[in-house]
Structure formats: structure tokens, C-alpha cells
Amino acid sequence: MTNTLKAGKAELKAIGISLHKISGEYKVYPKGTIGQAYFTDCLQDAVGTGKEMARAKLLTYASAAVCAMIDDARIREHAKNIVALFLMEQGKPFAEAHAEAQTQVNNSPLNLLKKIIAEGCK
């Protein structure tokens, strides 16, 4: 259980989530995606929500990596779309997100898995 803002920030920072206290409310969001912020007046709720955000990010990459390794054009396209949506949520423009996603899916599904493992070990 996290009892202080400092401890909550440290815990969430390690898994790629930002936590701030503004005017009595806690603001939680994945780094680089302020538009997806969650606000609450409870520190425990903020930390729990932050952990769920990190899990969702991890599952996004996991499903993309699995799809990318299957030798089926429709499934690989699905993997590309998953990664592109995630990149756009992080603020990348549509065209740039889709181009980067195409590269990741076509050239490096194993690197996607490495990213999943690295994110999961934080």
C-alpha cells in the first residue's frame, strides 16, 4: 500500500506512469499522454489506476507481438493497427504512427516481445 505521494510517484514512474497532485486532486496518466489523465482525490485510487494503465499498455504490446509473429497478412495488419493506435495515444501523428507500426510489425516482432518483457519487469 502506498502511503505518500513521493512513494506513489516512484512506484508509478518505474512502470511508465506519471502521478501529480494538483489543487487537492491526484492526476495519473501514461507518460506522454496527458490527454488520457485520470483525476481522483484518493492516492490509493490514483496508484491503482496507474497500475491498470501500465497493464493495459503491456497487453497492447503483447497482443501486437503475438499477431506479428503469425504468418497471416490480416493478422499482421491487426498487429500494425494495435501498435499504431498505441503510438497515436502517445501523441504521434497518424501517418508517423502507422509508418513506425508497420516497421515494428514487419521487421521486428521479436523486438516487440523484448519491449513487453522490459516493460513487464519494471
C-alpha atoms as a PDB file:
ATOM      1  CA  MET A   1       0.000   0.000   0.000  1.00  0.00           C
ATOM      2  CA  THR A   2       1.356   3.408  -0.981  1.00  0.00           C
ATOM      3  CA  ASN A   3       1.084   5.953   1.833  1.00  0.00           C
ATOM      4  CA  THR A   4       2.801   9.042   0.414  1.00  0.00           C
ATOM      5  CA  LEU A   5       2.744  10.975  -2.819  1.00  0.00           C
ATOM      6  CA  LYS A   6       6.508  10.540  -3.128  1.00  0.00           C
ATOM      7  CA  ALA A   7       6.230   6.750  -2.826  1.00  0.00           C
ATOM      8  CA  GLY A   8       3.325   6.661  -5.287  1.00  0.00           C
ATOM      9  CA  LYS A   9       5.241   8.753  -7.818  1.00  0.00           C
ATOM     10  CA  ALA A  10       8.284   6.486  -7.558  1.00  0.00           C
ATOM     11  CA  GLU A  11       6.212   3.312  -7.894  1.00  0.00           C
ATOM     12  CA  LEU A  12       4.343   4.543 -10.967  1.00  0.00           C
ATOM     13  CA  LYS A  13       7.353   6.202 -12.587  1.00  0.00           C
ATOM     14  CA  ALA A  14       9.067   2.809 -12.647  1.00  0.00           C
ATOM     15  CA  ILE A  15       6.269   1.453 -14.870  1.00  0.00           C
ATOM     16  CA  GLY A  16       5.936   4.468 -17.184  1.00  0.00           C
ATOM     17  CA  ILE A  17       3.074   6.291 -15.452  1.00  0.00           C
ATOM     18  CA  SER A  18       3.090   9.894 -14.198  1.00  0.00           C
ATOM     19  CA  LEU A  19       1.438  10.985 -10.942  1.00  0.00           C
ATOM     20  CA  HIS A  20       0.953  14.590  -9.834  1.00  0.00           C
ATOM     21  CA  LYS A  21      -1.090  16.324  -7.148  1.00  0.00           C
ATOM     22  CA  ILE A  22      -2.848  19.458  -8.393  1.00  0.00           C
ATOM     23  CA  SER A  23      -5.250  21.510  -6.260  1.00  0.00           C
ATOM     24  CA  GLY A  24      -6.005  18.595  -3.948  1.00  0.00           C
ATOM     25  CA  GLU A  25      -6.522  16.073  -6.732  1.00  0.00           C
ATOM     26  CA  TYR A  26      -4.210  13.362  -7.994  1.00  0.00           C
ATOM     27  CA  LYS A  27      -3.615  13.252 -11.739  1.00  0.00           C
ATOM     28  CA  VAL A  28      -2.458   9.953 -13.266  1.00  0.00           C
ATOM     29  CA  TYR A  29      -1.520   9.336 -16.903  1.00  0.00           C
ATOM     30  CA  PRO A  30       0.831   7.272 -19.064  1.00  0.00           C
ATOM     31  CA  LYS A  31       3.946   9.306 -19.832  1.00  0.00           C
ATOM     32  CA  GLY A  32       3.431  11.355 -22.965  1.00  0.00           C
ATOM     33  CA  THR A  33      -0.379  11.064 -22.918  1.00  0.00           C
ATOM     34  CA  ILE A  34      -1.665  13.874 -20.710  1.00  0.00           C
ATOM     35  CA  GLY A  35      -4.951  13.843 -22.617  1.00  0.00           C
ATOM     36  CA  GLN A  36      -5.734  10.466 -21.065  1.00  0.00           C
ATOM     37  CA  ALA A  37      -5.337  11.695 -17.500  1.00  0.00           C
ATOM     38  CA  TYR A  38      -7.405  10.270 -14.658  1.00  0.00           C
ATOM     39  CA  PHE A  39      -8.255  12.535 -11.712  1.00  0.00           C
ATOM     40  CA  THR A  40      -9.150  11.437  -8.194  1.00  0.00           C
ATOM     41  CA  ASP A  41      -8.934  12.734  -4.634  1.00  0.00           C
ATOM     42  CA  CYS A  42      -7.636   9.390  -3.311  1.00  0.00           C
ATOM     43  CA  LEU A  43      -3.945   8.448  -3.520  1.00  0.00           C
ATOM     44  CA  GLN A  44      -4.683   4.702  -3.401  1.00  0.00           C
ATOM     45  CA  ASP A  45      -7.156   5.062  -6.271  1.00  0.00           C
ATOM     46  CA  ALA A  46      -4.583   7.046  -8.267  1.00  0.00           C
ATOM     47  CA  VAL A  47      -1.860   4.428  -7.770  1.00  0.00           C
ATOM     48  CA  GLY A  48      -4.225   1.544  -8.547  1.00  0.00           C
ATOM     49  CA  THR A  49      -5.465   3.241 -11.701  1.00  0.00           C
ATOM     50  CA  GLY A  50      -1.882   3.961 -12.740  1.00  0.00           C
ATOM     51  CA  LYS A  51      -1.016   0.287 -12.389  1.00  0.00           C
ATOM     52  CA  GLU A  52      -4.016  -0.640 -14.553  1.00  0.00           C
ATOM     53  CA  MET A  53      -2.880   1.856 -17.199  1.00  0.00           C
ATOM     54  CA  ALA A  54       0.543   0.174 -17.252  1.00  0.00           C
ATOM     55  CA  ARG A  55      -1.058  -3.278 -17.573  1.00  0.00           C
ATOM     56  CA  ALA A  56      -3.174  -2.088 -20.494  1.00  0.00           C
ATOM     57  CA  LYS A  57      -0.056  -0.763 -22.238  1.00  0.00           C
ATOM     58  CA  LEU A  58       1.689  -4.083 -21.697  1.00  0.00           C
ATOM     59  CA  LEU A  59      -1.256  -6.070 -23.064  1.00  0.00           C
ATOM     60  CA  THR A  60      -1.353  -3.824 -26.133  1.00  0.00           C
ATOM     61  CA  TYR A  61       2.214  -4.697 -26.998  1.00  0.00           C
ATOM     62  CA  ALA A  62       1.713  -8.361 -26.108  1.00  0.00           C
ATOM     63  CA  SER A  63      -1.206  -8.784 -28.485  1.00  0.00           C
ATOM     64  CA  ALA A  64       0.644  -6.912 -31.218  1.00  0.00           C
ATOM     65  CA  ALA A  65       3.737  -9.065 -30.818  1.00  0.00           C
ATOM     66  CA  VAL A  66       1.781 -12.311 -30.941  1.00  0.00           C
ATOM     67  CA  CYS A  67      -0.146 -11.166 -34.019  1.00  0.00           C
ATOM     68  CA  ALA A  68       3.057 -10.025 -35.716  1.00  0.00           C
ATOM     69  CA  MET A  69       4.601 -13.492 -35.418  1.00  0.00           C
ATOM     70  CA  ILE A  70       1.707 -15.222 -37.141  1.00  0.00           C
ATOM     71  CA  ASP A  71       2.284 -15.557 -40.869  1.00  0.00           C
ATOM     72  CA  ASP A  72      -1.087 -14.219 -41.984  1.00  0.00           C
ATOM     73  CA  ALA A  73      -1.458 -10.827 -43.672  1.00  0.00           C
ATOM     74  CA  ARG A  74      -4.783  -9.995 -41.982  1.00  0.00           C
ATOM     75  CA  ILE A  75      -3.442 -10.775 -38.524  1.00  0.00           C
ATOM     76  CA  ARG A  76      -0.236  -8.822 -39.151  1.00  0.00           C
ATOM     77  CA  GLU A  77      -2.385  -5.867 -40.272  1.00  0.00           C
ATOM     78  CA  HIS A  78      -4.265  -6.144 -36.979  1.00  0.00           C
ATOM     79  CA  ALA A  79      -0.941  -6.088 -35.114  1.00  0.00           C
ATOM     80  CA  LYS A  80       0.100  -2.971 -37.019  1.00  0.00           C
ATOM     81  CA  ASN A  81      -3.169  -1.247 -36.113  1.00  0.00           C
ATOM     82  CA  ILE A  82      -2.762  -2.101 -32.421  1.00  0.00           C
ATOM     83  CA  VAL A  83       0.720  -0.601 -32.338  1.00  0.00           C
ATOM     84  CA  ALA A  84      -0.335   2.448 -34.395  1.00  0.00           C
ATOM     85  CA  LEU A  85      -3.241   3.204 -32.047  1.00  0.00           C
ATOM     86  CA  PHE A  86      -0.926   2.968 -29.063  1.00  0.00           C
ATOM     87  CA  LEU A  87       1.593   5.300 -30.725  1.00  0.00           C
ATOM     88  CA  MET A  88      -1.148   7.809 -31.560  1.00  0.00           C
ATOM     89  CA  GLU A  89      -2.300   7.708 -27.933  1.00  0.00           C
ATOM     90  CA  GLN A  90       1.254   8.743 -27.065  1.00  0.00           C
ATOM     91  CA  GLY A  91       0.866  11.791 -29.298  1.00  0.00           C
ATOM     92  CA  LYS A  92       2.399  10.670 -32.597  1.00  0.00           C
ATOM     93  CA  PRO A  93       0.680  11.945 -35.743  1.00  0.00           C
ATOM     94  CA  PHE A  94      -1.407   9.408 -37.696  1.00  0.00           C
ATOM     95  CA  ALA A  95       0.972   8.925 -40.641  1.00  0.00           C
ATOM     96  CA  GLU A  96       4.073   8.704 -38.449  1.00  0.00           C
ATOM     97  CA  ALA A  97       2.388   6.252 -36.075  1.00  0.00           C
ATOM     98  CA  HIS A  98       1.309   3.954 -38.910  1.00  0.00           C
ATOM     99  CA  ALA A  99       4.721   4.043 -40.581  1.00  0.00           C
ATOM    100  CA  GLU A 100       6.504   3.202 -37.307  1.00  0.00           C
ATOM    101  CA  ALA A 101       3.974   0.481 -36.532  1.00  0.00           C
ATOM    102  CA  GLN A 102       4.472  -1.075 -39.975  1.00  0.00           C
ATOM    103  CA  THR A 103       8.225  -1.149 -39.398  1.00  0.00           C
ATOM    104  CA  GLN A 104       7.880  -2.691 -35.947  1.00  0.00           C
ATOM    105  CA  VAL A 105       5.485  -5.390 -37.078  1.00  0.00           C
ATOM    106  CA  ASN A 106       7.247  -6.291 -40.331  1.00  0.00           C
ATOM    107  CA  ASN A 107      10.840  -6.117 -39.212  1.00  0.00           C
ATOM    108  CA  SER A 108      10.923  -6.811 -35.531  1.00  0.00           C
ATOM    109  CA  PRO A 109       8.172  -8.842 -33.843  1.00  0.00           C
ATOM    110  CA  LEU A 110      10.848 -10.215 -31.518  1.00  0.00           C
ATOM    111  CA  ASN A 111      11.768  -6.664 -30.544  1.00  0.00           C
ATOM    112  CA  LEU A 112       8.108  -6.111 -29.651  1.00  0.00           C
ATOM    113  CA  LEU A 113       8.364  -9.108 -27.329  1.00  0.00           C
ATOM    114  CA  LYS A 114      11.570  -7.722 -25.827  1.00  0.00           C
ATOM    115  CA  LYS A 115       9.744  -4.442 -25.189  1.00  0.00           C
ATOM    116  CA  ILE A 116       6.944  -6.357 -23.460  1.00  0.00           C
ATOM    117  CA  ILE A 117       9.416  -8.196 -21.262  1.00  0.00           C
ATOM    118  CA  ALA A 118      11.284  -4.986 -20.426  1.00  0.00           C
ATOM    119  CA  GLU A 119       8.057  -3.141 -19.566  1.00  0.00           C
ATOM    120  CA  GLY A 120       6.801  -6.059 -17.508  1.00  0.00           C
ATOM    121  CA  CYS A 121       9.993  -6.250 -15.470  1.00  0.00           C
ATOM    122  CA  LYS A 122       9.852  -2.622 -14.337  1.00  0.00           C
END
